Amino acid sequence: FDGFYWTNQLRQLSKVPIIFISAAEM
């Protein structure tokens, strides 16, 4: 799954800070 999916899953369980890193445009 992509990073958006994992972030949504993680946000249901935790408020740990997340920094996205990607080759995609800003």
mmCIF file of all heavy atoms, coordinates in Angstrom:
data_MODEL
# 
_entry.id   MODEL 
# 
loop_
_atom_site.group_PDB 
_atom_site.id 
_atom_site.type_symbol 
_atom_site.label_atom_id 
_atom_site.label_alt_id 
_atom_site.label_comp_id 
_atom_site.label_asym_id 
_atom_site.label_entity_id 
_atom_site.label_seq_id 
_atom_site.pdbx_PDB_ins_code 
_atom_site.Cartn_x 
_atom_site.Cartn_y 
_atom_site.Cartn_z 
_atom_site.occupancy 
_atom_site.B_iso_or_equiv 
_atom_site.pdbx_formal_charge 
_atom_site.auth_seq_id 
_atom_site.auth_comp_id 
_atom_site.auth_asym_id 
_atom_site.auth_atom_id 
_atom_site.pdbx_PDB_model_num 
ATOM 1   N N   . PHE A 1 1  ? 0.847  -1.182 0.000  1.00 0.00 ? 1  PHE A N   1 
ATOM 2   C CA  . PHE A 1 1  ? 0.000  0.000  0.000  1.00 0.00 ? 1  PHE A CA  1 
ATOM 3   C C   . PHE A 1 1  ? 0.891  1.243  0.000  1.00 0.00 ? 1  PHE A C   1 
ATOM 4   O O   . PHE A 1 1  ? 2.045  1.196  0.405  1.00 0.00 ? 1  PHE A O   1 
ATOM 5   C CB  . PHE A 1 1  ? -0.904 0.006  1.231  1.00 0.00 ? 1  PHE A CB  1 
ATOM 6   C CG  . PHE A 1 1  ? -1.832 -1.179 1.294  1.00 0.00 ? 1  PHE A CG  1 
ATOM 7   C CD1 . PHE A 1 1  ? -1.538 -2.262 2.110  1.00 0.00 ? 1  PHE A CD1 1 
ATOM 8   C CD2 . PHE A 1 1  ? -2.995 -1.201 0.539  1.00 0.00 ? 1  PHE A CD2 1 
ATOM 9   C CE1 . PHE A 1 1  ? -2.388 -3.354 2.169  1.00 0.00 ? 1  PHE A CE1 1 
ATOM 10  C CE2 . PHE A 1 1  ? -3.852 -2.291 0.589  1.00 0.00 ? 1  PHE A CE2 1 
ATOM 11  C CZ  . PHE A 1 1  ? -3.547 -3.375 1.404  1.00 0.00 ? 1  PHE A CZ  1 
ATOM 12  N N   . ASP A 1 2  ? 0.332  2.363  -0.458 1.00 0.00 ? 2  ASP A N   1 
ATOM 13  C CA  . ASP A 1 2  ? 1.147  3.573  -0.505 1.00 0.00 ? 2  ASP A CA  1 
ATOM 14  C C   . ASP A 1 2  ? 1.224  4.262  0.860  1.00 0.00 ? 2  ASP A C   1 
ATOM 15  O O   . ASP A 1 2  ? 0.567  3.854  1.828  1.00 0.00 ? 2  ASP A O   1 
ATOM 16  C CB  . ASP A 1 2  ? 0.641  4.544  -1.580 1.00 0.00 ? 2  ASP A CB  1 
ATOM 17  C CG  . ASP A 1 2  ? -0.758 5.085  -1.309 1.00 0.00 ? 2  ASP A CG  1 
ATOM 18  O OD1 . ASP A 1 2  ? -1.214 5.059  -0.145 1.00 0.00 ? 2  ASP A OD1 1 
ATOM 19  O OD2 . ASP A 1 2  ? -1.400 5.556  -2.271 1.00 0.00 ? 2  ASP A OD2 1 
ATOM 20  N N   . GLY A 1 3  ? 2.053  5.317  0.924  1.00 0.00 ? 3  GLY A N   1 
ATOM 21  C CA  . GLY A 1 3  ? 2.267  6.012  2.181  1.00 0.00 ? 3  GLY A CA  1 
ATOM 22  C C   . GLY A 1 3  ? 1.031  6.676  2.739  1.00 0.00 ? 3  GLY A C   1 
ATOM 23  O O   . GLY A 1 3  ? 0.885  6.823  3.961  1.00 0.00 ? 3  GLY A O   1 
ATOM 24  N N   . PHE A 1 4  ? 0.109  7.088  1.864  1.00 0.00 ? 4  PHE A N   1 
ATOM 25  C CA  . PHE A 1 4  ? -1.135 7.691  2.335  1.00 0.00 ? 4  PHE A CA  1 
ATOM 26  C C   . PHE A 1 4  ? -1.960 6.658  3.111  1.00 0.00 ? 4  PHE A C   1 
ATOM 27  O O   . PHE A 1 4  ? -2.543 6.960  4.155  1.00 0.00 ? 4  PHE A O   1 
ATOM 28  C CB  . PHE A 1 4  ? -1.949 8.235  1.159  1.00 0.00 ? 4  PHE A CB  1 
ATOM 29  C CG  . PHE A 1 4  ? -1.230 9.285  0.360  1.00 0.00 ? 4  PHE A CG  1 
ATOM 30  C CD1 . PHE A 1 4  ? -0.941 9.079  -0.978 1.00 0.00 ? 4  PHE A CD1 1 
ATOM 31  C CD2 . PHE A 1 4  ? -0.832 10.482 0.941  1.00 0.00 ? 4  PHE A CD2 1 
ATOM 32  C CE1 . PHE A 1 4  ? -0.289 10.044 -1.723 1.00 0.00 ? 4  PHE A CE1 1 
ATOM 33  C CE2 . PHE A 1 4  ? -0.169 11.444 0.203  1.00 0.00 ? 4  PHE A CE2 1 
ATOM 34  C CZ  . PHE A 1 4  ? 0.103  11.224 -1.126 1.00 0.00 ? 4  PHE A CZ  1 
ATOM 35  N N   . TYR A 1 5  ? -1.994 5.444  2.583  1.00 0.00 ? 5  TYR A N   1 
ATOM 36  C CA  . TYR A 1 5  ? -2.729 4.373  3.266  1.00 0.00 ? 5  TYR A CA  1 
ATOM 37  C C   . TYR A 1 5  ? -2.143 4.106  4.646  1.00 0.00 ? 5  TYR A C   1 
ATOM 38  O O   . TYR A 1 5  ? -2.875 4.064  5.646  1.00 0.00 ? 5  TYR A O   1 
ATOM 39  C CB  . TYR A 1 5  ? -2.691 3.094  2.430  1.00 0.00 ? 5  TYR A CB  1 
ATOM 40  C CG  . TYR A 1 5  ? -3.249 1.878  3.159  1.00 0.00 ? 5  TYR A CG  1 
ATOM 41  C CD1 . TYR A 1 5  ? -4.608 1.618  3.160  1.00 0.00 ? 5  TYR A CD1 1 
ATOM 42  C CD2 . TYR A 1 5  ? -2.397 1.012  3.846  1.00 0.00 ? 5  TYR A CD2 1 
ATOM 43  C CE1 . TYR A 1 5  ? -5.120 0.516  3.831  1.00 0.00 ? 5  TYR A CE1 1 
ATOM 44  C CE2 . TYR A 1 5  ? -2.898 -0.088 4.532  1.00 0.00 ? 5  TYR A CE2 1 
ATOM 45  C CZ  . TYR A 1 5  ? -4.262 -0.328 4.525  1.00 0.00 ? 5  TYR A CZ  1 
ATOM 46  O OH  . TYR A 1 5  ? -4.766 -1.406 5.209  1.00 0.00 ? 5  TYR A OH  1 
ATOM 47  N N   . TRP A 1 6  ? -0.805 3.935  4.703  1.00 0.00 ? 6  TRP A N   1 
ATOM 48  C CA  . TRP A 1 6  ? -0.182 3.622  5.986  1.00 0.00 ? 6  TRP A CA  1 
ATOM 49  C C   . TRP A 1 6  ? -0.328 4.771  6.978  1.00 0.00 ? 6  TRP A C   1 
ATOM 50  O O   . TRP A 1 6  ? -0.478 4.553  8.179  1.00 0.00 ? 6  TRP A O   1 
ATOM 51  C CB  . TRP A 1 6  ? 1.290  3.266  5.789  1.00 0.00 ? 6  TRP A CB  1 
ATOM 52  C CG  . TRP A 1 6  ? 1.521  1.960  5.092  1.00 0.00 ? 6  TRP A CG  1 
ATOM 53  C CD1 . TRP A 1 6  ? 2.206  1.746  3.935  1.00 0.00 ? 6  TRP A CD1 1 
ATOM 54  C CD2 . TRP A 1 6  ? 1.048  0.666  5.506  1.00 0.00 ? 6  TRP A CD2 1 
ATOM 55  N NE1 . TRP A 1 6  ? 2.191  0.413  3.597  1.00 0.00 ? 6  TRP A NE1 1 
ATOM 56  C CE2 . TRP A 1 6  ? 1.487  -0.281 4.542  1.00 0.00 ? 6  TRP A CE2 1 
ATOM 57  C CE3 . TRP A 1 6  ? 0.292  0.222  6.579  1.00 0.00 ? 6  TRP A CE3 1 
ATOM 58  C CZ2 . TRP A 1 6  ? 1.202  -1.621 4.637  1.00 0.00 ? 6  TRP A CZ2 1 
ATOM 59  C CZ3 . TRP A 1 6  ? -0.002 -1.147 6.672  1.00 0.00 ? 6  TRP A CZ3 1 
ATOM 60  C CH2 . TRP A 1 6  ? 0.455  -2.048 5.715  1.00 0.00 ? 6  TRP A CH2 1 
ATOM 61  N N   . THR A 1 7  ? -0.299 6.008  6.472  1.00 0.00 ? 7  THR A N   1 
ATOM 62  C CA  . THR A 1 7  ? -0.484 7.152  7.361  1.00 0.00 ? 7  THR A CA  1 
ATOM 63  C C   . THR A 1 7  ? -1.892 7.168  7.940  1.00 0.00 ? 7  THR A C   1 
ATOM 64  O O   . THR A 1 7  ? -2.087 7.407  9.147  1.00 0.00 ? 7  THR A O   1 
ATOM 65  C CB  . THR A 1 7  ? -0.212 8.473  6.606  1.00 0.00 ? 7  THR A CB  1 
ATOM 66  O OG1 . THR A 1 7  ? 1.153  8.490  6.193  1.00 0.00 ? 7  THR A OG1 1 
ATOM 67  C CG2 . THR A 1 7  ? -0.481 9.678  7.497  1.00 0.00 ? 7  THR A CG2 1 
ATOM 68  N N   . ASN A 1 8  ? -2.885 6.910  7.096  1.00 0.00 ? 8  ASN A N   1 
ATOM 69  C CA  . ASN A 1 8  ? -4.259 6.845  7.595  1.00 0.00 ? 8  ASN A CA  1 
ATOM 70  C C   . ASN A 1 8  ? -4.423 5.749  8.642  1.00 0.00 ? 8  ASN A C   1 
ATOM 71  O O   . ASN A 1 8  ? -5.105 5.948  9.658  1.00 0.00 ? 8  ASN A O   1 
ATOM 72  C CB  . ASN A 1 8  ? -5.235 6.607  6.437  1.00 0.00 ? 8  ASN A CB  1 
ATOM 73  C CG  . ASN A 1 8  ? -5.442 7.833  5.577  1.00 0.00 ? 8  ASN A CG  1 
ATOM 74  O OD1 . ASN A 1 8  ? -5.438 8.946  6.092  1.00 0.00 ? 8  ASN A OD1 1 
ATOM 75  N ND2 . ASN A 1 8  ? -5.626 7.642  4.282  1.00 0.00 ? 8  ASN A ND2 1 
ATOM 76  N N   . GLN A 1 9  ? -3.798 4.603  8.405  1.00 0.00 ? 9  GLN A N   1 
ATOM 77  C CA  . GLN A 1 9  ? -3.865 3.500  9.366  1.00 0.00 ? 9  GLN A CA  1 
ATOM 78  C C   . GLN A 1 9  ? -3.179 3.876  10.677 1.00 0.00 ? 9  GLN A C   1 
ATOM 79  O O   . GLN A 1 9  ? -3.709 3.623  11.763 1.00 0.00 ? 9  GLN A O   1 
ATOM 80  C CB  . GLN A 1 9  ? -3.203 2.247  8.770  1.00 0.00 ? 9  GLN A CB  1 
ATOM 81  C CG  . GLN A 1 9  ? -3.931 1.650  7.576  1.00 0.00 ? 9  GLN A CG  1 
ATOM 82  C CD  . GLN A 1 9  ? -5.312 1.140  7.942  1.00 0.00 ? 9  GLN A CD  1 
ATOM 83  O OE1 . GLN A 1 9  ? -5.462 0.322  8.851  1.00 0.00 ? 9  GLN A OE1 1 
ATOM 84  N NE2 . GLN A 1 9  ? -6.324 1.628  7.249  1.00 0.00 ? 9  GLN A NE2 1 
ATOM 85  N N   . LEU A 1 10 ? -2.018 4.500  10.559 1.00 0.00 ? 10 LEU A N   1 
ATOM 86  C CA  . LEU A 1 10 ? -1.262 4.861  11.756 1.00 0.00 ? 10 LEU A CA  1 
ATOM 87  C C   . LEU A 1 10 ? -1.972 5.936  12.567 1.00 0.00 ? 10 LEU A C   1 
ATOM 88  O O   . LEU A 1 10 ? -1.966 5.898  13.803 1.00 0.00 ? 10 LEU A O   1 
ATOM 89  C CB  . LEU A 1 10 ? 0.140  5.343  11.352 1.00 0.00 ? 10 LEU A CB  1 
ATOM 90  C CG  . LEU A 1 10 ? 1.123  5.661  12.484 1.00 0.00 ? 10 LEU A CG  1 
ATOM 91  C CD1 . LEU A 1 10 ? 1.318  4.448  13.384 1.00 0.00 ? 10 LEU A CD1 1 
ATOM 92  C CD2 . LEU A 1 10 ? 2.459  6.109  11.899 1.00 0.00 ? 10 LEU A CD2 1 
ATOM 93  N N   . ARG A 1 11 ? -2.595 6.897  11.875 1.00 0.00 ? 11 ARG A N   1 
ATOM 94  C CA  . ARG A 1 11 ? -3.274 7.991  12.565 1.00 0.00 ? 11 ARG A CA  1 
ATOM 95  C C   . ARG A 1 11 ? -4.479 7.516  13.382 1.00 0.00 ? 11 ARG A C   1 
ATOM 96  O O   . ARG A 1 11 ? -4.928 8.215  14.288 1.00 0.00 ? 11 ARG A O   1 
ATOM 97  C CB  . ARG A 1 11 ? -3.706 9.063  11.569 1.00 0.00 ? 11 ARG A CB  1 
ATOM 98  C CG  . ARG A 1 11 ? -2.597 10.046 11.253 1.00 0.00 ? 11 ARG A CG  1 
ATOM 99  C CD  . ARG A 1 11 ? -2.301 10.943 12.469 1.00 0.00 ? 11 ARG A CD  1 
ATOM 100 N NE  . ARG A 1 11 ? -1.096 11.731 12.302 1.00 0.00 ? 11 ARG A NE  1 
ATOM 101 C CZ  . ARG A 1 11 ? 0.085  11.424 12.817 1.00 0.00 ? 11 ARG A CZ  1 
ATOM 102 N NH1 . ARG A 1 11 ? 0.218  10.335 13.558 1.00 0.00 ? 11 ARG A NH1 1 
ATOM 103 N NH2 . ARG A 1 11 ? 1.123  12.191 12.633 1.00 0.00 ? 11 ARG A NH2 1 
ATOM 104 N N   . GLN A 1 12 ? -4.991 6.343  13.080 1.00 0.00 ? 12 GLN A N   1 
ATOM 105 C CA  . GLN A 1 12 ? -6.089 5.790  13.879 1.00 0.00 ? 12 GLN A CA  1 
ATOM 106 C C   . GLN A 1 12 ? -5.591 5.265  15.228 1.00 0.00 ? 12 GLN A C   1 
ATOM 107 O O   . GLN A 1 12 ? -6.386 5.056  16.147 1.00 0.00 ? 12 GLN A O   1 
ATOM 108 C CB  . GLN A 1 12 ? -6.772 4.665  13.113 1.00 0.00 ? 12 GLN A CB  1 
ATOM 109 C CG  . GLN A 1 12 ? -7.464 5.119  11.831 1.00 0.00 ? 12 GLN A CG  1 
ATOM 110 C CD  . GLN A 1 12 ? -8.103 3.971  11.074 1.00 0.00 ? 12 GLN A CD  1 
ATOM 111 O OE1 . GLN A 1 12 ? -8.572 3.004  11.673 1.00 0.00 ? 12 GLN A OE1 1 
ATOM 112 N NE2 . GLN A 1 12 ? -8.115 4.049  9.744  1.00 0.00 ? 12 GLN A NE2 1 
ATOM 113 N N   . LEU A 1 13 ? -4.268 5.073  15.317 1.00 0.00 ? 13 LEU A N   1 
ATOM 114 C CA  . LEU A 1 13 ? -3.697 4.462  16.519 1.00 0.00 ? 13 LEU A CA  1 
ATOM 115 C C   . LEU A 1 13 ? -2.717 5.367  17.259 1.00 0.00 ? 13 LEU A C   1 
ATOM 116 O O   . LEU A 1 13 ? -2.474 5.161  18.448 1.00 0.00 ? 13 LEU A O   1 
ATOM 117 C CB  . LEU A 1 13 ? -2.966 3.163  16.136 1.00 0.00 ? 13 LEU A CB  1 
ATOM 118 C CG  . LEU A 1 13 ? -3.791 2.108  15.392 1.00 0.00 ? 13 LEU A CG  1 
ATOM 119 C CD1 . LEU A 1 13 ? -2.872 1.017  14.863 1.00 0.00 ? 13 LEU A CD1 1 
ATOM 120 C CD2 . LEU A 1 13 ? -4.845 1.521  16.317 1.00 0.00 ? 13 LEU A CD2 1 
ATOM 121 N N   . SER A 1 14 ? -2.148 6.338  16.562 1.00 0.00 ? 14 SER A N   1 
ATOM 122 C CA  . SER A 1 14 ? -1.043 7.083  17.151 1.00 0.00 ? 14 SER A CA  1 
ATOM 123 C C   . SER A 1 14 ? -0.978 8.507  16.609 1.00 0.00 ? 14 SER A C   1 
ATOM 124 O O   . SER A 1 14 ? -1.398 8.778  15.478 1.00 0.00 ? 14 SER A O   1 
ATOM 125 C CB  . SER A 1 14 ? 0.279  6.358  16.849 1.00 0.00 ? 14 SER A CB  1 
ATOM 126 O OG  . SER A 1 14 ? 1.394  7.135  17.230 1.00 0.00 ? 14 SER A OG  1 
ATOM 127 N N   . LYS A 1 15 ? -0.422 9.398  17.430 1.00 0.00 ? 15 LYS A N   1 
ATOM 128 C CA  . LYS A 1 15 ? -0.175 10.786 17.033 1.00 0.00 ? 15 LYS A CA  1 
ATOM 129 C C   . LYS A 1 15 ? 1.310  11.014 16.757 1.00 0.00 ? 15 LYS A C   1 
ATOM 130 O O   . LYS A 1 15 ? 1.770  12.157 16.708 1.00 0.00 ? 15 LYS A O   1 
ATOM 131 C CB  . LYS A 1 15 ? -0.648 11.742 18.129 1.00 0.00 ? 15 LYS A CB  1 
ATOM 132 C CG  . LYS A 1 15 ? -2.159 11.749 18.332 1.00 0.00 ? 15 LYS A CG  1 
ATOM 133 C CD  . LYS A 1 15 ? -2.882 12.267 17.117 1.00 0.00 ? 15 LYS A CD  1 
ATOM 134 C CE  . LYS A 1 15 ? -4.378 12.337 17.339 1.00 0.00 ? 15 LYS A CE  1 
ATOM 135 N NZ  . LYS A 1 15 ? -5.109 12.806 16.142 1.00 0.00 ? 15 LYS A NZ  1 
ATOM 136 N N   . VAL A 1 16 ? 2.083  9.933  16.569 1.00 0.00 ? 16 VAL A N   1 
ATOM 137 C CA  . VAL A 1 16 ? 3.516  10.071 16.317 1.00 0.00 ? 16 VAL A CA  1 
ATOM 138 C C   . VAL A 1 16 ? 3.737  10.982 15.107 1.00 0.00 ? 16 VAL A C   1 
ATOM 139 O O   . VAL A 1 16 ? 3.030  10.870 14.105 1.00 0.00 ? 16 VAL A O   1 
ATOM 140 C CB  . VAL A 1 16 ? 4.172  8.690  16.084 1.00 0.00 ? 16 VAL A CB  1 
ATOM 141 C CG1 . VAL A 1 16 ? 3.592  7.995  14.865 1.00 0.00 ? 16 VAL A CG1 1 
ATOM 142 C CG2 . VAL A 1 16 ? 5.682  8.815  15.973 1.00 0.00 ? 16 VAL A CG2 1 
ATOM 143 N N   . PRO A 1 17 ? 4.691  11.909 15.167 1.00 0.00 ? 17 PRO A N   1 
ATOM 144 C CA  . PRO A 1 17 ? 4.945  12.799 14.019 1.00 0.00 ? 17 PRO A CA  1 
ATOM 145 C C   . PRO A 1 17 ? 5.370  12.010 12.784 1.00 0.00 ? 17 PRO A C   1 
ATOM 146 O O   . PRO A 1 17 ? 6.080  11.009 12.885 1.00 0.00 ? 17 PRO A O   1 
ATOM 147 C CB  . PRO A 1 17 ? 6.085  13.699 14.516 1.00 0.00 ? 17 PRO A CB  1 
ATOM 148 C CG  . PRO A 1 17 ? 6.034  13.622 15.993 1.00 0.00 ? 17 PRO A CG  1 
ATOM 149 C CD  . PRO A 1 17 ? 5.534  12.249 16.320 1.00 0.00 ? 17 PRO A CD  1 
ATOM 150 N N   . ILE A 1 18 ? 4.926  12.485 11.617 1.00 0.00 ? 18 ILE A N   1 
ATOM 151 C CA  . ILE A 1 18 ? 5.240  11.833 10.347 1.00 0.00 ? 18 ILE A CA  1 
ATOM 152 C C   . ILE A 1 18 ? 5.757  12.871 9.366  1.00 0.00 ? 18 ILE A C   1 
ATOM 153 O O   . ILE A 1 18 ? 5.141  13.916 9.177  1.00 0.00 ? 18 ILE A O   1 
ATOM 154 C CB  . ILE A 1 18 ? 4.000  11.148 9.744  1.00 0.00 ? 18 ILE A CB  1 
ATOM 155 C CG1 . ILE A 1 18 ? 3.447  10.082 10.692 1.00 0.00 ? 18 ILE A CG1 1 
ATOM 156 C CG2 . ILE A 1 18 ? 4.340  10.528 8.387  1.00 0.00 ? 18 ILE A CG2 1 
ATOM 157 C CD1 . ILE A 1 18 ? 2.104  9.524  10.252 1.00 0.00 ? 18 ILE A CD1 1 
ATOM 158 N N   . ILE A 1 19 ? 6.911  12.575 8.757  1.00 0.00 ? 19 ILE A N   1 
ATOM 159 C CA  . ILE A 1 19 ? 7.432  13.392 7.663  1.00 0.00 ? 19 ILE A CA  1 
ATOM 160 C C   . ILE A 1 19 ? 7.358  12.562 6.385  1.00 0.00 ? 19 ILE A C   1 
ATOM 161 O O   . ILE A 1 19 ? 7.909  11.465 6.319  1.00 0.00 ? 19 ILE A O   1 
ATOM 162 C CB  . ILE A 1 19 ? 8.889  13.828 7.904  1.00 0.00 ? 19 ILE A CB  1 
ATOM 163 C CG1 . ILE A 1 19 ? 8.987  14.760 9.123  1.00 0.00 ? 19 ILE A CG1 1 
ATOM 164 C CG2 . ILE A 1 19 ? 9.448  14.538 6.662  1.00 0.00 ? 19 ILE A CG2 1 
ATOM 165 C CD1 . ILE A 1 19 ? 10.409 15.203 9.433  1.00 0.00 ? 19 ILE A CD1 1 
ATOM 166 N N   . PHE A 1 20 ? 6.660  13.079 5.376  1.00 0.00 ? 20 PHE A N   1 
ATOM 167 C CA  . PHE A 1 20 ? 6.586  12.396 4.086  1.00 0.00 ? 20 PHE A CA  1 
ATOM 168 C C   . PHE A 1 20 ? 7.852  12.678 3.287  1.00 0.00 ? 20 PHE A C   1 
ATOM 169 O O   . PHE A 1 20 ? 8.337  13.816 3.256  1.00 0.00 ? 20 PHE A O   1 
ATOM 170 C CB  . PHE A 1 20 ? 5.371  12.875 3.302  1.00 0.00 ? 20 PHE A CB  1 
ATOM 171 C CG  . PHE A 1 20 ? 4.182  11.951 3.400  1.00 0.00 ? 20 PHE A CG  1 
ATOM 172 C CD1 . PHE A 1 20 ? 3.480  11.821 4.583  1.00 0.00 ? 20 PHE A CD1 1 
ATOM 173 C CD2 . PHE A 1 20 ? 3.787  11.202 2.306  1.00 0.00 ? 20 PHE A CD2 1 
ATOM 174 C CE1 . PHE A 1 20 ? 2.395  10.972 4.675  1.00 0.00 ? 20 PHE A CE1 1 
ATOM 175 C CE2 . PHE A 1 20 ? 2.699  10.344 2.382  1.00 0.00 ? 20 PHE A CE2 1 
ATOM 176 C CZ  . PHE A 1 20 ? 2.000  10.223 3.572  1.00 0.00 ? 20 PHE A CZ  1 
ATOM 177 N N   . ILE A 1 21 ? 8.358  11.637 2.648  1.00 0.00 ? 21 ILE A N   1 
ATOM 178 C CA  . ILE A 1 21 ? 9.518  11.759 1.767  1.00 0.00 ? 21 ILE A CA  1 
ATOM 179 C C   . ILE A 1 21 ? 9.128  11.155 0.423  1.00 0.00 ? 21 ILE A C   1 
ATOM 180 O O   . ILE A 1 21 ? 8.746  9.991  0.349  1.00 0.00 ? 21 ILE A O   1 
ATOM 181 C CB  . ILE A 1 21 ? 10.739 11.016 2.332  1.00 0.00 ? 21 ILE A CB  1 
ATOM 182 C CG1 . ILE A 1 21 ? 11.120 11.595 3.702  1.00 0.00 ? 21 ILE A CG1 1 
ATOM 183 C CG2 . ILE A 1 21 ? 11.908 11.089 1.371  1.00 0.00 ? 21 ILE A CG2 1 
ATOM 184 C CD1 . ILE A 1 21 ? 12.246 10.857 4.380  1.00 0.00 ? 21 ILE A CD1 1 
ATOM 185 N N   . SER A 1 22 ? 9.232  11.946 -0.638 1.00 0.00 ? 22 SER A N   1 
ATOM 186 C CA  . SER A 1 22 ? 8.768  11.432 -1.920 1.00 0.00 ? 22 SER A CA  1 
ATOM 187 C C   . SER A 1 22 ? 9.427  12.114 -3.092 1.00 0.00 ? 22 SER A C   1 
ATOM 188 O O   . SER A 1 22 ? 9.854  13.268 -3.006 1.00 0.00 ? 22 SER A O   1 
ATOM 189 C CB  . SER A 1 22 ? 7.249  11.615 -2.034 1.00 0.00 ? 22 SER A CB  1 
ATOM 190 O OG  . SER A 1 22 ? 6.795  11.168 -3.295 1.00 0.00 ? 22 SER A OG  1 
ATOM 191 N N   . ALA A 1 23 ? 9.486  11.394 -4.209 1.00 0.00 ? 23 ALA A N   1 
ATOM 192 C CA  . ALA A 1 23 ? 9.986  11.968 -5.455 1.00 0.00 ? 23 ALA A CA  1 
ATOM 193 C C   . ALA A 1 23 ? 8.893  12.731 -6.171 1.00 0.00 ? 23 ALA A C   1 
ATOM 194 O O   . ALA A 1 23 ? 9.143  13.408 -7.158 1.00 0.00 ? 23 ALA A O   1 
ATOM 195 C CB  . ALA A 1 23 ? 10.516 10.862 -6.368 1.00 0.00 ? 23 ALA A CB  1 
ATOM 196 N N   . ALA A 1 24 ? 7.655  12.638 -5.671 1.00 0.00 ? 24 ALA A N   1 
ATOM 197 C CA  . ALA A 1 24 ? 6.532  13.334 -6.295 1.00 0.00 ? 24 ALA A CA  1 
ATOM 198 C C   . ALA A 1 24 ? 6.657  14.834 -6.090 1.00 0.00 ? 24 ALA A C   1 
ATOM 199 O O   . ALA A 1 24 ? 7.332  15.306 -5.179 1.00 0.00 ? 24 ALA A O   1 
ATOM 200 C CB  . ALA A 1 24 ? 5.220  12.828 -5.701 1.00 0.00 ? 24 ALA A CB  1 
ATOM 201 N N   . GLU A 1 25 ? 5.977  15.587 -6.954 1.00 0.00 ? 25 GLU A N   1 
ATOM 202 C CA  . GLU A 1 25 ? 6.000  17.037 -6.840 1.00 0.00 ? 25 GLU A CA  1 
ATOM 203 C C   . GLU A 1 25 ? 5.344  17.469 -5.534 1.00 0.00 ? 25 GLU A C   1 
ATOM 204 O O   . GLU A 1 25 ? 4.506  16.789 -4.972 1.00 0.00 ? 25 GLU A O   1 
ATOM 205 C CB  . GLU A 1 25 ? 5.261  17.677 -8.021 1.00 0.00 ? 25 GLU A CB  1 
ATOM 206 C CG  . GLU A 1 25 ? 5.979  17.509 -9.348 1.00 0.00 ? 25 GLU A CG  1 
ATOM 207 C CD  . GLU A 1 25 ? 7.339  18.192 -9.371 1.00 0.00 ? 25 GLU A CD  1 
ATOM 208 O OE1 . GLU A 1 25 ? 7.469  19.257 -8.753 1.00 0.00 ? 25 GLU A OE1 1 
ATOM 209 O OE2 . GLU A 1 25 ? 8.268  17.647 -9.986 1.00 0.00 ? 25 GLU A OE2 1 
ATOM 210 N N   . MET A 1 26 ? 5.735  18.679 -5.072 1.00 0.00 ? 26 MET A N   1 
ATOM 211 C CA  . MET A 1 26 ? 5.256  19.183 -3.791 1.00 0.00 ? 26 MET A CA  1 
ATOM 212 C C   . MET A 1 26 ? 3.733  19.279 -3.747 1.00 0.00 ? 26 MET A C   1 
ATOM 213 O O   . MET A 1 26 ? 3.100  18.923 -2.783 1.00 0.00 ? 26 MET A O   1 
ATOM 214 C CB  . MET A 1 26 ? 5.869  20.569 -3.538 1.00 0.00 ? 26 MET A CB  1 
ATOM 215 C CG  . MET A 1 26 ? 5.721  21.052 -2.108 1.00 0.00 ? 26 MET A CG  1 
ATOM 216 S SD  . MET A 1 26 ? 6.740  20.094 -0.985 1.00 0.00 ? 26 MET A SD  1 
ATOM 217 C CE  . MET A 1 26 ? 6.449  20.983 0.549  1.00 0.00 ? 26 MET A CE  1 
# 
